[in-house]
Amino acid sequence: MVSFVSEMWMFMRVRKKYWLLPILIVLAVFGGLIVASQGSAIAPFVYTLF
């Protein structure tokens, strides 16, 4: 996982694709939210957001 993050950072730095960083952060947050809401008490509140 660390190598993927470092390679992605190197790609963005070399190719000047810094606009990808906010997209990746939002995707990671949504992914973490979905994983955290599986089978927990937070699930009904998460589903009302969408």
PDB file of N, CA and C in Angstrom:
ATOM      1  N   MET A   1       0.827  -1.196   0.000  1.00  0.00           N
ATOM      2  CA  MET A   1       0.000   0.000   0.000  1.00  0.00           C
ATOM      3  C   MET A   1       0.870   1.258   0.000  1.00  0.00           C
ATOM      4  N   VAL A   2       1.961   1.206   0.743  1.00  0.00           N
ATOM      5  CA  VAL A   2       2.847   2.367   0.813  1.00  0.00           C
ATOM      6  C   VAL A   2       3.491   2.629  -0.545  1.00  0.00           C
ATOM      7  N   SER A   3       3.844   1.566  -1.247  1.00  0.00           N
ATOM      8  CA  SER A   3       4.472   1.751  -2.555  1.00  0.00           C
ATOM      9  C   SER A   3       3.485   2.368  -3.547  1.00  0.00           C
ATOM     10  N   PHE A   4       2.211   1.991  -3.444  1.00  0.00           N
ATOM     11  CA  PHE A   4       1.203   2.579  -4.327  1.00  0.00           C
ATOM     12  C   PHE A   4       1.077   4.074  -4.078  1.00  0.00           C
ATOM     13  N   VAL A   5       1.031   4.450  -2.815  1.00  0.00           N
ATOM     14  CA  VAL A   5       0.897   5.876  -2.474  1.00  0.00           C
ATOM     15  C   VAL A   5       2.126   6.648  -2.929  1.00  0.00           C
ATOM     16  N   SER A   6       3.308   6.084  -2.713  1.00  0.00           N
ATOM     17  CA  SER A   6       4.525   6.789  -3.127  1.00  0.00           C
ATOM     18  C   SER A   6       4.615   6.888  -4.647  1.00  0.00           C
ATOM     19  N   GLU A   7       4.223   5.831  -5.361  1.00  0.00           N
ATOM     20  CA  GLU A   7       4.236   5.897  -6.821  1.00  0.00           C
ATOM     21  C   GLU A   7       3.217   6.900  -7.341  1.00  0.00           C
ATOM     22  N   MET A   8       2.055   6.950  -6.706  1.00  0.00           N
ATOM     23  CA  MET A   8       1.036   7.920  -7.126  1.00  0.00           C
ATOM     24  C   MET A   8       1.533   9.349  -6.889  1.00  0.00           C
ATOM     25  N   TRP A   9       2.183   9.566  -5.764  1.00  0.00           N
ATOM     26  CA  TRP A   9       2.717  10.894  -5.476  1.00  0.00           C
ATOM     27  C   TRP A   9       3.811  11.269  -6.479  1.00  0.00           C
ATOM     28  N   MET A  10       4.680  10.317  -6.803  1.00  0.00           N
ATOM     29  CA  MET A  10       5.731  10.579  -7.794  1.00  0.00           C
ATOM     30  C   MET A  10       5.123  10.902  -9.156  1.00  0.00           C
ATOM     31  N   PHE A  11       4.090  10.172  -9.543  1.00  0.00           N
ATOM     32  CA  PHE A  11       3.414  10.429 -10.817  1.00  0.00           C
ATOM     33  C   PHE A  11       2.842  11.838 -10.844  1.00  0.00           C
ATOM     34  N   MET A  12       2.143  12.214  -9.756  1.00  0.00           N
ATOM     35  CA  MET A  12       1.522  13.543  -9.718  1.00  0.00           C
ATOM     36  C   MET A  12       2.586  14.640  -9.702  1.00  0.00           C
ATOM     37  N   ARG A  13       3.701  14.393  -9.028  1.00  0.00           N
ATOM     38  CA  ARG A  13       4.743  15.408  -8.942  1.00  0.00           C
ATOM     39  C   ARG A  13       5.473  15.584 -10.275  1.00  0.00           C
ATOM     40  N   VAL A  14       5.790  14.483 -10.933  1.00  0.00           N
ATOM     41  CA  VAL A  14       6.537  14.560 -12.193  1.00  0.00           C
ATOM     42  C   VAL A  14       5.665  15.123 -13.308  1.00  0.00           C
ATOM     43  N   ARG A  15       4.428  14.671 -13.369  1.00  0.00           N
ATOM     44  CA  ARG A  15       3.549  15.081 -14.463  1.00  0.00           C
ATOM     45  C   ARG A  15       2.734  16.341 -14.159  1.00  0.00           C
ATOM     46  N   LYS A  16       2.912  16.930 -12.976  1.00  0.00           N
ATOM     47  CA  LYS A  16       2.205  18.142 -12.550  1.00  0.00           C
ATOM     48  C   LYS A  16       0.685  17.940 -12.550  1.00  0.00           C
ATOM     49  N   LYS A  17       0.254  16.810 -12.012  1.00  0.00           N
ATOM     50  CA  LYS A  17      -1.170  16.464 -11.937  1.00  0.00           C
ATOM     51  C   LYS A  17      -1.677  16.632 -10.500  1.00  0.00           C
ATOM     52  N   TYR A  18      -1.426  17.783  -9.920  1.00  0.00           N
ATOM     53  CA  TYR A  18      -1.815  18.008  -8.530  1.00  0.00           C
ATOM     54  C   TYR A  18      -3.324  18.090  -8.352  1.00  0.00           C
ATOM     55  N   TRP A  19      -4.067  18.306  -9.434  1.00  0.00           N
ATOM     56  CA  TRP A  19      -5.519  18.374  -9.338  1.00  0.00           C
ATOM     57  C   TRP A  19      -6.122  17.007  -9.024  1.00  0.00           C
ATOM     58  N   LEU A  20      -5.342  15.925  -9.169  1.00  0.00           N
ATOM     59  CA  LEU A  20      -5.839  14.594  -8.838  1.00  0.00           C
ATOM     60  C   LEU A  20      -5.923  14.365  -7.326  1.00  0.00           C
ATOM     61  N   LEU A  21      -5.156  15.108  -6.556  1.00  0.00           N
ATOM     62  CA  LEU A  21      -5.098  14.887  -5.114  1.00  0.00           C
ATOM     63  C   LEU A  21      -6.451  15.074  -4.423  1.00  0.00           C
ATOM     64  N   PRO A  22      -7.210  16.158  -4.664  1.00  0.00           N
ATOM     65  CA  PRO A  22      -8.520  16.269  -4.012  1.00  0.00           C
ATOM     66  C   PRO A  22      -9.491  15.164  -4.417  1.00  0.00           C
ATOM     67  N   ILE A  23      -9.416  14.713  -5.659  1.00  0.00           N
ATOM     68  CA  ILE A  23     -10.291  13.637  -6.111  1.00  0.00           C
ATOM     69  C   ILE A  23      -9.973  12.350  -5.358  1.00  0.00           C
ATOM     70  N   LEU A  24      -8.691  12.048  -5.211  1.00  0.00           N
ATOM     71  CA  LEU A  24      -8.293  10.841  -4.496  1.00  0.00           C
ATOM     72  C   LEU A  24      -8.659  10.908  -3.020  1.00  0.00           C
ATOM     73  N   ILE A  25      -8.542  12.082  -2.424  1.00  0.00           N
ATOM     74  CA  ILE A  25      -8.901  12.236  -1.011  1.00  0.00           C
ATOM     75  C   ILE A  25     -10.396  12.016  -0.813  1.00  0.00           C
ATOM     76  N   VAL A  26     -11.217  12.595  -1.680  1.00  0.00           N
ATOM     77  CA  VAL A  26     -12.676  12.430  -1.567  1.00  0.00           C
ATOM     78  C   VAL A  26     -13.058  10.964  -1.761  1.00  0.00           C
ATOM     79  N   LEU A  27     -12.446  10.293  -2.727  1.00  0.00           N
ATOM     80  CA  LEU A  27     -12.735   8.877  -2.937  1.00  0.00           C
ATOM     81  C   LEU A  27     -12.343   8.043  -1.723  1.00  0.00           C
ATOM     82  N   ALA A  28     -11.211   8.359  -1.117  1.00  0.00           N
ATOM     83  CA  ALA A  28     -10.774   7.627   0.067  1.00  0.00           C
ATOM     84  C   ALA A  28     -11.722   7.865   1.251  1.00  0.00           C
ATOM     85  N   VAL A  29     -12.195   9.100   1.405  1.00  0.00           N
ATOM     86  CA  VAL A  29     -13.123   9.404   2.497  1.00  0.00           C
ATOM     87  C   VAL A  29     -14.445   8.664   2.307  1.00  0.00           C
ATOM     88  N   PHE A  30     -14.978   8.688   1.083  1.00  0.00           N
ATOM     89  CA  PHE A  30     -16.224   7.972   0.823  1.00  0.00           C
ATOM     90  C   PHE A  30     -16.051   6.467   0.996  1.00  0.00           C
ATOM     91  N   GLY A  31     -14.935   5.935   0.554  1.00  0.00           N
ATOM     92  CA  GLY A  31     -14.666   4.513   0.747  1.00  0.00           C
ATOM     93  C   GLY A  31     -14.575   4.147   2.215  1.00  0.00           C
ATOM     94  N   GLY A  32     -13.888   4.971   2.994  1.00  0.00           N
ATOM     95  CA  GLY A  32     -13.809   4.734   4.432  1.00  0.00           C
ATOM     96  C   GLY A  32     -15.152   4.856   5.115  1.00  0.00           C
ATOM     97  N   LEU A  33     -15.971   5.784   4.657  1.00  0.00           N
ATOM     98  CA  LEU A  33     -17.309   5.949   5.221  1.00  0.00           C
ATOM     99  C   LEU A  33     -18.175   4.727   4.943  1.00  0.00           C
ATOM    100  N   ILE A  34     -18.075   4.193   3.750  1.00  0.00           N
ATOM    101  CA  ILE A  34     -18.854   3.007   3.405  1.00  0.00           C
ATOM    102  C   ILE A  34     -18.395   1.802   4.212  1.00  0.00           C
ATOM    103  N   VAL A  35     -17.087   1.642   4.358  1.00  0.00           N
ATOM    104  CA  VAL A  35     -16.563   0.513   5.136  1.00  0.00           C
ATOM    105  C   VAL A  35     -16.938   0.653   6.604  1.00  0.00           C
ATOM    106  N   ALA A  36     -16.875   1.871   7.130  1.00  0.00           N
ATOM    107  CA  ALA A  36     -17.189   2.083   8.545  1.00  0.00           C
ATOM    108  C   ALA A  36     -18.672   1.905   8.829  1.00  0.00           C
ATOM    109  N   SER A  37     -19.521   2.142   7.842  1.00  0.00           N
ATOM    110  CA  SER A  37     -20.958   2.071   8.093  1.00  0.00           C
ATOM    111  C   SER A  37     -21.519   0.671   7.917  1.00  0.00           C
ATOM    112  N   GLN A  38     -20.727  -0.274   7.462  1.00  0.00           N
ATOM    113  CA  GLN A  38     -21.201  -1.640   7.290  1.00  0.00           C
ATOM    114  C   GLN A  38     -21.462  -2.280   8.651  1.00  0.00           C
ATOM    115  N   GLY A  39     -22.719  -2.515   8.949  1.00  0.00           N
ATOM    116  CA  GLY A  39     -23.076  -3.218  10.173  1.00  0.00           C
ATOM    117  C   GLY A  39     -22.841  -2.428  11.435  1.00  0.00           C
ATOM    118  N   SER A  40     -22.948  -1.128  11.377  1.00  0.00           N
ATOM    119  CA  SER A  40     -22.744  -0.345  12.589  1.00  0.00           C
ATOM    120  C   SER A  40     -23.973   0.532  12.853  1.00  0.00           C
ATOM    121  N   ALA A  41     -23.941   1.246  13.956  1.00  0.00           N
ATOM    122  CA  ALA A  41     -25.052   2.125  14.315  1.00  0.00           C
ATOM    123  C   ALA A  41     -25.057   3.402  13.482  1.00  0.00           C
ATOM    124  N   ILE A  42     -23.993   3.649  12.749  1.00  0.00           N
ATOM    125  CA  ILE A  42     -23.901   4.857  11.922  1.00  0.00           C
ATOM    126  C   ILE A  42     -24.671   4.693  10.612  1.00  0.00           C
ATOM    127  N   ALA A  43     -24.921   3.451  10.201  1.00  0.00           N
ATOM    128  CA  ALA A  43     -25.497   3.159   8.889  1.00  0.00           C
ATOM    129  C   ALA A  43     -26.780   3.943   8.592  1.00  0.00           C
ATOM    130  N   PRO A  44     -27.765   4.028   9.493  1.00  0.00           N
ATOM    131  CA  PRO A  44     -28.974   4.781   9.139  1.00  0.00           C
ATOM    132  C   PRO A  44     -28.708   6.263   8.873  1.00  0.00           C
ATOM    133  N   PHE A  45     -27.728   6.833   9.538  1.00  0.00           N
ATOM    134  CA  PHE A  45     -27.420   8.245   9.331  1.00  0.00           C
ATOM    135  C   PHE A  45     -26.677   8.465   8.021  1.00  0.00           C
ATOM    136  N   VAL A  46     -25.834   7.509   7.630  1.00  0.00           N
ATOM    137  CA  VAL A  46     -25.093   7.622   6.377  1.00  0.00           C
ATOM    138  C   VAL A  46     -26.060   7.506   5.203  1.00  0.00           C
ATOM    139  N   TYR A  47     -27.010   6.594   5.280  1.00  0.00           N
ATOM    140  CA  TYR A  47     -27.939   6.395   4.177  1.00  0.00           C
ATOM    141  C   TYR A  47     -28.839   7.593   3.972  1.00  0.00           C
ATOM    142  N   THR A  48     -29.110   8.381   5.005  1.00  0.00           N
ATOM    143  CA  THR A  48     -29.939   9.568   4.823  1.00  0.00           C
ATOM    144  C   THR A  48     -29.172  10.671   4.093  1.00  0.00           C
ATOM    145  N   LEU A  49     -27.840  10.613   4.102  1.00  0.00           N
ATOM    146  CA  LEU A  49     -27.057  11.620   3.366  1.00  0.00           C
ATOM    147  C   LEU A  49     -27.187  11.432   1.870  1.00  0.00           C
ATOM    148  N   PHE A  50     -27.394  10.213   1.431  1.00  0.00           N
ATOM    149  CA  PHE A  50     -27.455   9.921   0.011  1.00  0.00           C
ATOM    150  C   PHE A  50     -28.861   9.628  -0.372  1.00  0.00           C
TER     151      PHE A  50
END
